């Protein structure tokens, strides 16, 4: 009698495990095993496209700089319209005038860059140069402060290199603005494409 009960319990356990296995196999989440290859394929395609666009931008920096300025202008226009709409939606709250003024200034700046993209490129180059100069000073000071630690020389080198690039931008501004922004856009696209090619997809979680 006890043997029969044990056999019945074992059979019930096997049927339960079989049904659980079939249920898990039928769930959409278990089909993820085939998706990493598909994601990897699209990631490779996107990386190759970015690298190709980056090479074209390096070969034609002036066109790339103008395209960058146009994209930046449209971002400002969309952002300005959004700010104006938000200010109008919250007009009963405090700070309505400042919100509206900020939106209008952003919109006008975007339209101005779109109308005169060369001036927008020069402005971008000036902003990048100022950013590099400030970050170069801060990194140099940081490397000097952590001087006993390993790798402090690389931090100082990075900071000094940023300062030198900022000075070169200032000396060549605005004549070299088109070439600088175009080359910066191209190298950024190439680096982004390379790390997309090198990045491995994450393994699916059980």
N, C-alpha and C. Protein backbone atom coordinates (compact mmCIF):
# COMPACT_ATOMS: atom_id res chain seq x y z
N UNK A 1 0.84 -1.22 0.00
CA UNK A 1 0.00 0.00 0.00
C UNK A 1 0.87 1.26 0.00
N UNK A 2 1.88 1.27 0.85
CA UNK A 2 2.79 2.42 0.91
C UNK A 2 3.54 2.60 -0.39
N UNK A 3 3.94 1.47 -1.02
CA UNK A 3 4.65 1.57 -2.30
C UNK A 3 3.77 2.21 -3.37
N UNK A 4 2.47 1.84 -3.36
CA UNK A 4 1.57 2.41 -4.35
C UNK A 4 1.41 3.91 -4.13
N UNK A 5 1.33 4.33 -2.88
CA UNK A 5 1.20 5.76 -2.58
C UNK A 5 2.44 6.52 -3.04
N UNK A 6 3.62 5.93 -2.81
CA UNK A 6 4.86 6.58 -3.23
C UNK A 6 4.92 6.71 -4.74
N UNK A 7 4.50 5.64 -5.45
CA UNK A 7 4.51 5.68 -6.92
C UNK A 7 3.54 6.73 -7.45
N UNK A 8 2.36 6.81 -6.84
CA UNK A 8 1.39 7.82 -7.26
C UNK A 8 1.93 9.22 -7.03
N UNK A 9 2.59 9.46 -5.89
CA UNK A 9 3.17 10.77 -5.60
C UNK A 9 4.28 11.13 -6.57
N UNK A 10 5.11 10.16 -6.95
CA UNK A 10 6.19 10.42 -7.90
C UNK A 10 5.64 10.76 -9.27
N UNK A 11 4.59 10.01 -9.69
CA UNK A 11 3.98 10.30 -10.98
C UNK A 11 3.37 11.71 -11.00
N UNK A 12 2.69 12.09 -9.92
CA UNK A 12 2.11 13.43 -9.85
C UNK A 12 3.18 14.51 -9.90
N UNK A 13 4.35 14.26 -9.23
CA UNK A 13 5.42 15.24 -9.23
C UNK A 13 6.01 15.41 -10.63
N UNK A 14 6.17 14.26 -11.35
CA UNK A 14 6.71 14.33 -12.71
C UNK A 14 5.76 15.07 -13.65
N UNK A 15 4.46 14.83 -13.51
CA UNK A 15 3.50 15.53 -14.34
C UNK A 15 3.50 17.03 -14.06
N UNK A 16 3.66 17.40 -12.79
CA UNK A 16 3.71 18.82 -12.43
C UNK A 16 4.93 19.49 -13.03
N UNK A 17 6.10 18.81 -12.92
CA UNK A 17 7.31 19.38 -13.48
C UNK A 17 7.21 19.49 -14.99
N UNK A 18 6.59 18.50 -15.65
CA UNK A 18 6.44 18.54 -17.09
C UNK A 18 5.54 19.70 -17.52
N UNK A 19 4.46 19.90 -16.78
CA UNK A 19 3.56 21.00 -17.12
C UNK A 19 4.22 22.34 -16.89
N UNK A 20 5.05 22.46 -15.82
CA UNK A 20 5.76 23.71 -15.58
C UNK A 20 6.75 24.00 -16.69
N UNK A 21 7.44 22.93 -17.13
CA UNK A 21 8.41 23.13 -18.21
C UNK A 21 7.74 23.56 -19.49
N UNK A 22 6.60 22.93 -19.83
CA UNK A 22 5.87 23.31 -21.03
C UNK A 22 5.31 24.72 -20.92
N UNK A 23 4.87 25.09 -19.71
CA UNK A 23 4.34 26.44 -19.52
C UNK A 23 5.42 27.49 -19.68
N UNK A 24 6.62 27.23 -19.14
CA UNK A 24 7.70 28.18 -19.28
C UNK A 24 8.16 28.30 -20.72
N UNK A 25 8.13 27.17 -21.44
CA UNK A 25 8.55 27.23 -22.84
C UNK A 25 7.58 28.01 -23.69
N UNK A 26 6.31 28.01 -23.29
CA UNK A 26 5.31 28.74 -24.06
C UNK A 26 5.26 30.21 -23.74
N UNK A 27 5.98 30.66 -22.68
CA UNK A 27 5.96 32.07 -22.31
C UNK A 27 6.82 32.87 -23.28
N UNK A 28 6.45 34.15 -23.54
CA UNK A 28 7.24 34.96 -24.47
C UNK A 28 8.64 35.21 -23.96
N UNK A 29 8.84 35.21 -22.64
CA UNK A 29 10.15 35.54 -22.10
C UNK A 29 11.20 34.52 -22.44
N UNK A 30 10.78 33.24 -22.65
CA UNK A 30 11.77 32.22 -22.95
C UNK A 30 12.25 32.29 -24.38
N UNK A 31 11.58 33.04 -25.22
CA UNK A 31 12.01 33.19 -26.61
C UNK A 31 13.13 34.21 -26.74
N UNK A 32 13.56 34.77 -25.59
CA UNK A 32 14.62 35.78 -25.62
C UNK A 32 15.94 35.16 -26.03
N UNK A 33 16.02 33.79 -25.95
CA UNK A 33 17.29 33.15 -26.26
C UNK A 33 17.74 33.44 -27.68
N UNK A 34 16.77 33.68 -28.57
CA UNK A 34 17.13 33.95 -29.95
C UNK A 34 17.32 35.43 -30.23
N UNK A 35 16.89 36.29 -29.29
CA UNK A 35 16.94 37.72 -29.56
C UNK A 35 18.33 38.34 -29.46
N UNK A 36 19.26 37.88 -28.59
CA UNK A 36 20.56 38.54 -28.55
C UNK A 36 21.27 38.57 -29.89
N UNK A 37 21.14 37.50 -30.70
CA UNK A 37 21.77 37.50 -32.02
C UNK A 37 21.16 38.58 -32.90
N UNK A 38 19.82 38.73 -32.83
CA UNK A 38 19.19 39.78 -33.61
C UNK A 38 19.60 41.16 -33.16
N UNK A 39 19.67 41.37 -31.84
CA UNK A 39 20.10 42.66 -31.32
C UNK A 39 21.54 42.94 -31.71
N UNK A 40 22.37 41.91 -31.67
CA UNK A 40 23.77 42.08 -32.04
C UNK A 40 23.90 42.47 -33.52
N UNK A 41 23.05 41.87 -34.37
CA UNK A 41 23.09 42.22 -35.78
C UNK A 41 22.73 43.67 -36.03
N UNK A 42 21.66 44.14 -35.39
CA UNK A 42 21.28 45.54 -35.55
C UNK A 42 22.33 46.47 -34.95
N UNK A 43 22.95 46.04 -33.87
CA UNK A 43 24.00 46.85 -33.25
C UNK A 43 25.20 47.00 -34.18
N UNK A 44 25.56 45.92 -34.87
CA UNK A 44 26.66 45.98 -35.83
C UNK A 44 26.31 46.90 -37.00
N UNK A 45 25.08 46.76 -37.50
CA UNK A 45 24.65 47.61 -38.62
C UNK A 45 24.69 49.08 -38.22
N UNK A 46 24.16 49.39 -37.04
CA UNK A 46 24.14 50.77 -36.57
C UNK A 46 25.56 51.30 -36.36
N UNK A 47 26.46 50.46 -35.83
CA UNK A 47 27.84 50.88 -35.65
C UNK A 47 28.54 51.16 -36.97
N UNK A 48 28.31 50.30 -37.98
CA UNK A 48 28.91 50.52 -39.30
C UNK A 48 28.38 51.80 -39.93
N UNK A 49 27.08 52.07 -39.78
CA UNK A 49 26.48 53.29 -40.33
C UNK A 49 27.10 54.53 -39.66
N UNK A 50 27.27 54.48 -38.33
CA UNK A 50 27.86 55.61 -37.62
C UNK A 50 29.31 55.83 -38.06
N UNK A 51 30.07 54.76 -38.22
CA UNK A 51 31.46 54.90 -38.66
C UNK A 51 31.52 55.48 -40.07
N UNK A 52 30.64 55.00 -40.95
CA UNK A 52 30.62 55.54 -42.32
C UNK A 52 30.27 57.02 -42.33
N UNK A 53 29.28 57.41 -41.53
CA UNK A 53 28.92 58.83 -41.44
C UNK A 53 30.07 59.65 -40.84
N UNK A 54 30.76 59.07 -39.86
CA UNK A 54 31.90 59.77 -39.27
C UNK A 54 33.02 59.97 -40.27
N UNK A 55 33.31 58.96 -41.09
CA UNK A 55 34.36 59.10 -42.11
C UNK A 55 33.97 60.17 -43.12
N UNK A 56 32.71 60.18 -43.54
CA UNK A 56 32.25 61.22 -44.46
C UNK A 56 32.36 62.61 -43.83
N UNK A 57 32.06 62.69 -42.53
CA UNK A 57 32.17 63.99 -41.86
C UNK A 57 33.62 64.45 -41.78
N UNK A 58 34.56 63.51 -41.56
CA UNK A 58 35.97 63.88 -41.52
C UNK A 58 36.45 64.30 -42.91
N UNK A 59 35.97 63.63 -43.94
CA UNK A 59 36.37 63.99 -45.30
C UNK A 59 35.73 65.30 -45.76
N UNK A 60 34.54 65.60 -45.26
CA UNK A 60 33.84 66.84 -45.63
C UNK A 60 33.43 67.58 -44.35
N UNK A 61 34.38 68.15 -43.63
CA UNK A 61 34.07 68.76 -42.32
C UNK A 61 33.15 69.96 -42.42
N UNK A 62 33.24 70.72 -43.52
CA UNK A 62 32.38 71.90 -43.63
C UNK A 62 30.91 71.51 -43.71
N UNK A 63 30.61 70.51 -44.54
CA UNK A 63 29.22 70.05 -44.66
C UNK A 63 28.74 69.46 -43.34
N UNK A 64 29.62 68.69 -42.69
CA UNK A 64 29.25 68.09 -41.40
C UNK A 64 28.99 69.17 -40.35
N UNK A 65 29.80 70.23 -40.36
CA UNK A 65 29.60 71.31 -39.40
C UNK A 65 28.27 72.02 -39.63
N UNK A 66 27.95 72.28 -40.89
CA UNK A 66 26.66 72.92 -41.19
C UNK A 66 25.50 72.02 -40.81
N UNK A 67 25.63 70.71 -41.08
CA UNK A 67 24.57 69.78 -40.68
C UNK A 67 24.41 69.75 -39.17
N UNK A 68 25.52 69.78 -38.45
CA UNK A 68 25.46 69.81 -36.99
C UNK A 68 24.76 71.07 -36.50
N UNK A 69 25.07 72.19 -37.11
CA UNK A 69 24.43 73.45 -36.72
C UNK A 69 22.93 73.42 -36.99
N UNK A 70 22.54 72.85 -38.14
CA UNK A 70 21.11 72.77 -38.47
C UNK A 70 20.37 71.88 -37.47
N UNK A 71 20.97 70.73 -37.14
CA UNK A 71 20.34 69.84 -36.15
C UNK A 71 20.23 70.55 -34.80
N UNK A 72 21.30 71.23 -34.39
CA UNK A 72 21.29 71.96 -33.13
C UNK A 72 20.21 73.05 -33.14
N UNK A 73 20.06 73.72 -34.30
CA UNK A 73 19.04 74.77 -34.41
C UNK A 73 17.64 74.20 -34.25
N UNK A 74 17.36 73.07 -34.90
CA UNK A 74 16.04 72.46 -34.77
C UNK A 74 15.78 71.98 -33.35
N UNK A 75 16.82 71.51 -32.67
CA UNK A 75 16.64 71.12 -31.26
C UNK A 75 16.26 72.33 -30.41
N UNK A 76 16.90 73.46 -30.67
CA UNK A 76 16.56 74.68 -29.94
C UNK A 76 15.15 75.14 -30.27
N UNK A 77 14.76 75.04 -31.54
CA UNK A 77 13.41 75.46 -31.93
C UNK A 77 12.36 74.59 -31.24
N UNK A 78 12.56 73.29 -31.29
CA UNK A 78 11.60 72.39 -30.63
C UNK A 78 11.57 72.63 -29.11
N UNK A 79 12.77 72.82 -28.54
CA UNK A 79 12.82 73.10 -27.10
C UNK A 79 12.16 74.41 -26.74
N UNK A 80 12.37 75.44 -27.57
CA UNK A 80 11.74 76.73 -27.31
C UNK A 80 10.22 76.66 -27.40
N UNK A 81 9.71 75.95 -28.41
CA UNK A 81 8.25 75.78 -28.52
C UNK A 81 7.71 75.04 -27.31
N UNK A 82 8.43 74.03 -26.87
CA UNK A 82 7.99 73.29 -25.68
C UNK A 82 7.98 74.16 -24.44
N UNK A 83 9.00 75.01 -24.29
CA UNK A 83 9.04 75.90 -23.13
C UNK A 83 7.90 76.91 -23.18
N UNK A 84 7.62 77.45 -24.35
CA UNK A 84 6.52 78.41 -24.47
C UNK A 84 5.19 77.74 -24.15
N UNK A 85 5.00 76.52 -24.66
CA UNK A 85 3.76 75.80 -24.38
C UNK A 85 3.64 75.49 -22.88
N UNK A 86 4.75 75.12 -22.26
CA UNK A 86 4.71 74.85 -20.81
C UNK A 86 4.42 76.13 -20.03
N UNK A 87 5.00 77.25 -20.47
CA UNK A 87 4.74 78.52 -19.77
C UNK A 87 3.27 78.91 -19.91
N UNK A 88 2.70 78.70 -21.09
CA UNK A 88 1.29 79.02 -21.27
C UNK A 88 0.40 78.08 -20.45
N UNK A 89 0.82 76.84 -20.32
CA UNK A 89 0.02 75.89 -19.54
C UNK A 89 0.06 76.20 -18.05
N UNK A 90 1.17 76.76 -17.57
CA UNK A 90 1.33 77.06 -16.14
C UNK A 90 1.36 78.58 -15.92
N UNK A 91 0.56 79.31 -16.69
CA UNK A 91 0.59 80.78 -16.60
C UNK A 91 0.06 81.30 -15.28
N UNK A 92 -0.72 80.50 -14.58
CA UNK A 92 -1.25 80.95 -13.29
C UNK A 92 -0.26 80.76 -12.16
N UNK A 93 0.84 80.06 -12.43
CA UNK A 93 1.84 79.82 -11.39
C UNK A 93 2.89 80.92 -11.40
N UNK A 94 3.71 80.91 -10.35
CA UNK A 94 4.76 81.92 -10.24
C UNK A 94 5.85 81.67 -11.28
N UNK A 95 6.46 82.75 -11.75
CA UNK A 95 7.55 82.65 -12.72
C UNK A 95 7.11 82.51 -14.16
N UNK A 96 5.86 82.88 -14.45
CA UNK A 96 5.36 82.73 -15.82
C UNK A 96 6.16 83.58 -16.80
N UNK A 97 6.50 84.81 -16.41
CA UNK A 97 7.24 85.69 -17.31
C UNK A 97 8.62 85.16 -17.65
N UNK A 98 9.32 84.62 -16.64
CA UNK A 98 10.65 84.08 -16.87
C UNK A 98 10.59 82.84 -17.77
N UNK A 99 9.60 81.99 -17.55
CA UNK A 99 9.45 80.80 -18.39
C UNK A 99 9.16 81.18 -19.84
N UNK A 100 8.28 82.16 -20.02
CA UNK A 100 7.94 82.59 -21.37
C UNK A 100 9.14 83.24 -22.04
N UNK A 101 9.87 84.08 -21.31
CA UNK A 101 11.05 84.73 -21.88
C UNK A 101 12.11 83.71 -22.26
N UNK A 102 12.31 82.71 -21.41
CA UNK A 102 13.30 81.66 -21.72
C UNK A 102 12.91 80.89 -22.98
N UNK A 103 11.63 80.56 -23.10
CA UNK A 103 11.18 79.86 -24.29
C UNK A 103 11.33 80.69 -25.55
N UNK A 104 10.99 81.98 -25.47
CA UNK A 104 11.10 82.85 -26.64
C UNK A 104 12.56 83.01 -27.05
N UNK A 105 13.46 83.20 -26.07
CA UNK A 105 14.89 83.34 -26.38
C UNK A 105 15.44 82.07 -27.02
N UNK A 106 15.04 80.93 -26.50
CA UNK A 106 15.51 79.66 -27.08
C UNK A 106 15.00 79.50 -28.50
N UNK A 107 13.74 79.86 -28.73
CA UNK A 107 13.17 79.75 -30.07
C UNK A 107 13.86 80.72 -31.04
N UNK A 108 14.09 81.95 -30.60
CA UNK A 108 14.75 82.94 -31.46
C UNK A 108 16.17 82.50 -31.77
N UNK A 109 16.88 81.96 -30.78
CA UNK A 109 18.24 81.49 -31.01
C UNK A 109 18.27 80.35 -32.03
N UNK A 110 17.33 79.42 -31.92
CA UNK A 110 17.26 78.33 -32.88
C UNK A 110 16.98 78.83 -34.29
N UNK A 111 16.05 79.78 -34.43
CA UNK A 111 15.74 80.33 -35.75
C UNK A 111 16.94 81.08 -36.32
N UNK A 112 17.65 81.81 -35.46
CA UNK A 112 18.82 82.57 -35.92
C UNK A 112 19.91 81.63 -36.44
N UNK A 113 20.15 80.53 -35.71
CA UNK A 113 21.17 79.58 -36.17
C UNK A 113 20.72 78.90 -37.45
N UNK A 114 19.41 78.64 -37.57
CA UNK A 114 18.90 78.00 -38.79
C UNK A 114 19.02 78.94 -39.99
N UNK A 115 18.83 80.24 -39.77
CA UNK A 115 18.93 81.20 -40.88
C UNK A 115 20.39 81.44 -41.25
N UNK A 116 21.25 81.56 -40.22
CA UNK A 116 22.68 81.81 -40.47
C UNK A 116 23.47 80.68 -39.82
N UNK A 117 23.56 79.50 -40.45
CA UNK A 117 24.21 78.36 -39.81
C UNK A 117 25.70 78.54 -39.58
N UNK A 118 26.36 79.36 -40.41
CA UNK A 118 27.79 79.59 -40.22
C UNK A 118 28.06 80.28 -38.89
N UNK A 119 27.21 81.24 -38.54
CA UNK A 119 27.35 81.90 -37.24
C UNK A 119 27.08 80.92 -36.11
N UNK A 120 26.14 80.00 -36.36
CA UNK A 120 25.88 78.98 -35.34
C UNK A 120 27.06 78.06 -35.14
N UNK A 121 27.75 77.71 -36.22
CA UNK A 121 28.95 76.87 -36.10
C UNK A 121 30.03 77.60 -35.33
N UNK A 122 30.21 78.89 -35.61
CA UNK A 122 31.21 79.67 -34.89
C UNK A 122 30.87 79.74 -33.40
N UNK A 123 29.58 79.89 -33.10
CA UNK A 123 29.18 79.93 -31.69
C UNK A 123 29.42 78.59 -31.01
N UNK A 124 29.13 77.50 -31.71
CA UNK A 124 29.38 76.18 -31.14
C UNK A 124 30.87 75.98 -30.88
N UNK A 125 31.70 76.39 -31.83
CA UNK A 125 33.14 76.25 -31.63
C UNK A 125 33.62 77.05 -30.43
N UNK A 126 33.08 78.24 -30.27
CA UNK A 126 33.47 79.07 -29.13
C UNK A 126 33.03 78.44 -27.82
N UNK A 127 31.82 77.88 -27.79
CA UNK A 127 31.34 77.23 -26.58
C UNK A 127 32.17 76.00 -26.25
N UNK A 128 32.51 75.21 -27.28
CA UNK A 128 33.34 74.03 -27.05
C UNK A 128 34.72 74.43 -26.54
N UNK A 129 35.28 75.49 -27.13
CA UNK A 129 36.59 75.96 -26.67
C UNK A 129 36.56 76.42 -25.22
N UNK A 130 35.52 77.16 -24.85
CA UNK A 130 35.41 77.59 -23.46
C UNK A 130 35.24 76.41 -22.51
N UNK A 131 34.44 75.43 -22.93
CA UNK A 131 34.25 74.23 -22.11
C UNK A 131 35.56 73.47 -21.93
N UNK A 132 36.31 73.30 -23.03
CA UNK A 132 37.58 72.60 -22.93
C UNK A 132 38.57 73.35 -22.04
N UNK A 133 38.56 74.68 -22.11
CA UNK A 133 39.48 75.46 -21.29
C UNK A 133 39.18 75.31 -19.81
N UNK A 134 37.89 75.41 -19.47
CA UNK A 134 37.50 75.29 -18.06
C UNK A 134 37.76 73.88 -17.53
N UNK A 135 37.36 72.87 -18.29
CA UNK A 135 37.59 71.49 -17.85
C UNK A 135 39.07 71.15 -17.82
N UNK A 136 39.86 71.75 -18.74
CA UNK A 136 41.30 71.51 -18.72
C UNK A 136 41.95 72.04 -17.46
N UNK A 137 41.53 73.24 -17.04
CA UNK A 137 42.08 73.80 -15.80
C UNK A 137 41.69 72.93 -14.61
N UNK A 138 40.43 72.52 -14.55
CA UNK A 138 39.98 71.71 -13.40
C UNK A 138 40.69 70.35 -13.38
N UNK A 139 40.88 69.72 -14.55
CA UNK A 139 41.57 68.43 -14.56
C UNK A 139 43.04 68.57 -14.21
N UNK A 140 43.67 69.64 -14.66
CA UNK A 140 45.07 69.86 -14.30
C UNK A 140 45.22 70.04 -12.80
N UNK A 141 44.33 70.83 -12.19
CA UNK A 141 44.38 71.01 -10.75
C UNK A 141 44.09 69.71 -10.01
N UNK A 142 43.13 68.92 -10.55
CA UNK A 142 42.83 67.64 -9.93
C UNK A 142 44.03 66.70 -9.99
N UNK A 143 44.67 66.61 -11.15
CA UNK A 143 45.85 65.75 -11.26
C UNK A 143 46.99 66.20 -10.36
N UNK A 144 47.14 67.51 -10.20
CA UNK A 144 48.20 68.02 -9.34
C UNK A 144 47.92 67.72 -7.87
N UNK A 145 46.64 67.70 -7.50
CA UNK A 145 46.28 67.43 -6.11
C UNK A 145 46.43 65.95 -5.76
N UNK A 146 46.18 65.07 -6.74
CA UNK A 146 46.31 63.63 -6.48
C UNK A 146 47.68 63.12 -6.94
N UNK A 147 48.67 64.01 -6.95
CA UNK A 147 49.98 63.71 -7.50
C UNK A 147 50.64 62.47 -6.91
N UNK A 148 50.52 62.15 -5.64
CA UNK A 148 51.18 60.92 -5.17
C UNK A 148 50.57 59.63 -5.72
N UNK A 149 49.33 59.70 -6.14
CA UNK A 149 48.65 58.48 -6.57
C UNK A 149 49.05 58.12 -7.99
N UNK A 150 48.82 56.84 -8.30
CA UNK A 150 49.18 56.33 -9.62
C UNK A 150 48.23 56.89 -10.69
N UNK A 151 48.80 57.31 -11.80
CA UNK A 151 48.01 57.82 -12.90
C UNK A 151 47.77 59.32 -12.87
N UNK A 152 48.38 60.03 -11.91
CA UNK A 152 48.12 61.47 -11.83
C UNK A 152 48.67 62.20 -13.06
N UNK A 153 49.74 61.66 -13.65
CA UNK A 153 50.32 62.29 -14.82
C UNK A 153 49.38 62.30 -16.01
N UNK A 154 48.60 61.22 -16.16
CA UNK A 154 47.65 61.16 -17.27
C UNK A 154 46.55 62.20 -17.09
N UNK A 155 46.15 62.43 -15.84
CA UNK A 155 45.12 63.45 -15.59
C UNK A 155 45.65 64.83 -15.94
N UNK A 156 46.89 65.11 -15.54
CA UNK A 156 47.49 66.40 -15.86
C UNK A 156 47.66 66.54 -17.37
N UNK A 157 48.09 65.47 -18.02
CA UNK A 157 48.26 65.51 -19.48
C UNK A 157 46.93 65.78 -20.18
N UNK A 158 45.88 65.13 -19.70
CA UNK A 158 44.55 65.36 -20.28
C UNK A 158 44.13 66.81 -20.11
N UNK A 159 44.36 67.34 -18.93
CA UNK A 159 43.99 68.74 -18.68
C UNK A 159 44.79 69.72 -19.53
N UNK A 160 46.10 69.51 -19.63
CA UNK A 160 46.93 70.40 -20.43
C UNK A 160 46.58 70.30 -21.92
N UNK A 161 46.27 69.08 -22.38
CA UNK A 161 45.87 68.91 -23.77
C UNK A 161 44.57 69.65 -24.06
N UNK A 162 43.63 69.59 -23.13
CA UNK A 162 42.37 70.32 -23.31
C UNK A 162 42.61 71.83 -23.37
N UNK A 163 43.52 72.31 -22.54
CA UNK A 163 43.82 73.75 -22.54
C UNK A 163 44.46 74.15 -23.86
N UNK A 164 45.39 73.33 -24.36
CA UNK A 164 46.04 73.63 -25.63
C UNK A 164 45.03 73.66 -26.78
N UNK A 165 44.13 72.68 -26.81
CA UNK A 165 43.11 72.64 -27.87
C UNK A 165 42.21 73.87 -27.77
N UNK A 166 41.85 74.27 -26.55
CA UNK A 166 41.02 75.46 -26.38
C UNK A 166 41.73 76.71 -26.88
N UNK A 167 43.03 76.81 -26.61
CA UNK A 167 43.79 77.97 -27.09
C UNK A 167 43.87 77.98 -28.61
N UNK A 168 44.07 76.79 -29.21
CA UNK A 168 44.11 76.71 -30.67
C UNK A 168 42.76 77.11 -31.27
N UNK A 169 41.67 76.71 -30.63
CA UNK A 169 40.35 77.11 -31.13
C UNK A 169 40.20 78.62 -31.05
N UNK A 170 40.65 79.22 -29.94
CA UNK A 170 40.53 80.67 -29.78
C UNK A 170 41.40 81.41 -30.80
N UNK A 171 42.60 80.89 -31.07
CA UNK A 171 43.48 81.56 -32.03
C UNK A 171 42.94 81.47 -33.45
N UNK A 172 42.31 80.34 -33.79
CA UNK A 172 41.80 80.17 -35.14
C UNK A 172 40.36 80.57 -35.32
N UNK A 173 39.71 81.08 -34.26
CA UNK A 173 38.30 81.44 -34.33
C UNK A 173 38.15 82.78 -35.03
N UNK A 174 37.16 82.96 -35.90
CA UNK A 174 36.14 81.99 -36.31
C UNK A 174 36.47 81.25 -37.61
N UNK A 175 37.67 81.51 -38.17
CA UNK A 175 37.97 80.92 -39.48
C UNK A 175 37.99 79.40 -39.43
N UNK A 176 38.49 78.82 -38.36
CA UNK A 176 38.61 77.36 -38.27
C UNK A 176 37.39 76.69 -37.64
N UNK A 177 36.32 77.44 -37.44
CA UNK A 177 35.16 76.89 -36.75
C UNK A 177 34.52 75.76 -37.54
N UNK A 178 34.37 75.95 -38.86
CA UNK A 178 33.74 74.92 -39.68
C UNK A 178 34.53 73.62 -39.64
N UNK A 179 35.83 73.73 -39.83
CA UNK A 179 36.66 72.52 -39.83
C UNK A 179 36.66 71.85 -38.46
N UNK A 180 36.73 72.65 -37.41
CA UNK A 180 36.79 72.06 -36.07
C UNK A 180 35.51 71.31 -35.72
N UNK A 181 34.37 71.97 -35.91
CA UNK A 181 33.09 71.33 -35.57
C UNK A 181 32.86 70.11 -36.45
N UNK A 182 33.22 70.20 -37.74
CA UNK A 182 33.04 69.06 -38.62
C UNK A 182 33.89 67.87 -38.22
N UNK A 183 35.17 68.13 -37.92
CA UNK A 183 36.05 67.05 -37.49
C UNK A 183 35.62 66.48 -36.14
N UNK A 184 35.18 67.36 -35.24
CA UNK A 184 34.71 66.89 -33.94
C UNK A 184 33.49 65.98 -34.10
N UNK A 185 32.57 66.38 -34.98
CA UNK A 185 31.39 65.55 -35.25
C UNK A 185 31.79 64.21 -35.85
N UNK A 186 32.72 64.25 -36.81
CA UNK A 186 33.15 63.01 -37.46
C UNK A 186 33.81 62.05 -36.50
N UNK A 187 34.76 62.53 -35.70
CA UNK A 187 35.44 61.64 -34.76
C UNK A 187 34.50 61.13 -33.68
N UNK A 188 33.54 61.95 -33.29
CA UNK A 188 32.55 61.49 -32.31
C UNK A 188 31.71 60.35 -32.87
N UNK A 189 31.28 60.48 -34.13
CA UNK A 189 30.51 59.41 -34.76
C UNK A 189 31.35 58.14 -34.91
N UNK A 190 32.61 58.29 -35.28
CA UNK A 190 33.47 57.12 -35.45
C UNK A 190 33.67 56.39 -34.12
N UNK A 191 33.95 57.15 -33.06
CA UNK A 191 34.16 56.53 -31.75
C UNK A 191 32.89 55.86 -31.26
N UNK A 192 31.74 56.51 -31.47
CA UNK A 192 30.47 55.91 -31.07
C UNK A 192 30.21 54.62 -31.83
N UNK A 193 30.49 54.63 -33.14
CA UNK A 193 30.31 53.42 -33.93
C UNK A 193 31.25 52.31 -33.50
N UNK A 194 32.48 52.65 -33.15
CA UNK A 194 33.45 51.62 -32.73
C UNK A 194 33.02 50.95 -31.43
N UNK A 195 32.57 51.75 -30.45
CA UNK A 195 32.20 51.09 -29.19
C UNK A 195 30.92 50.30 -29.35
N UNK A 196 30.08 50.65 -30.31
CA UNK A 196 28.91 49.82 -30.58
C UNK A 196 29.31 48.49 -31.21
N UNK A 197 30.34 48.50 -32.03
CA UNK A 197 30.82 47.25 -32.61
C UNK A 197 31.52 46.38 -31.56
N UNK A 198 32.21 47.02 -30.62
CA UNK A 198 32.96 46.26 -29.61
C UNK A 198 32.09 45.79 -28.45
N UNK A 199 30.96 46.47 -28.23
CA UNK A 199 30.11 46.15 -27.09
C UNK A 199 29.38 44.84 -27.33
N UNK A 200 29.44 43.96 -26.34
CA UNK A 200 28.74 42.68 -26.42
C UNK A 200 27.39 42.80 -25.76
N UNK A 201 26.38 42.14 -26.33
CA UNK A 201 25.05 42.18 -25.72
C UNK A 201 25.04 41.43 -24.39
N UNK A 202 24.20 41.88 -23.49
CA UNK A 202 24.08 41.24 -22.20
C UNK A 202 23.38 39.90 -22.34
N UNK A 203 23.82 38.96 -21.54
CA UNK A 203 23.21 37.64 -21.56
C UNK A 203 21.80 37.73 -20.98
N UNK A 204 20.84 36.97 -21.52
CA UNK A 204 19.47 37.04 -21.01
C UNK A 204 19.38 36.52 -19.60
N UNK A 205 18.60 37.22 -18.78
CA UNK A 205 18.41 36.80 -17.40
C UNK A 205 17.46 35.63 -17.33
N UNK A 206 17.72 34.63 -16.48
CA UNK A 206 16.82 33.48 -16.39
C UNK A 206 15.48 33.87 -15.84
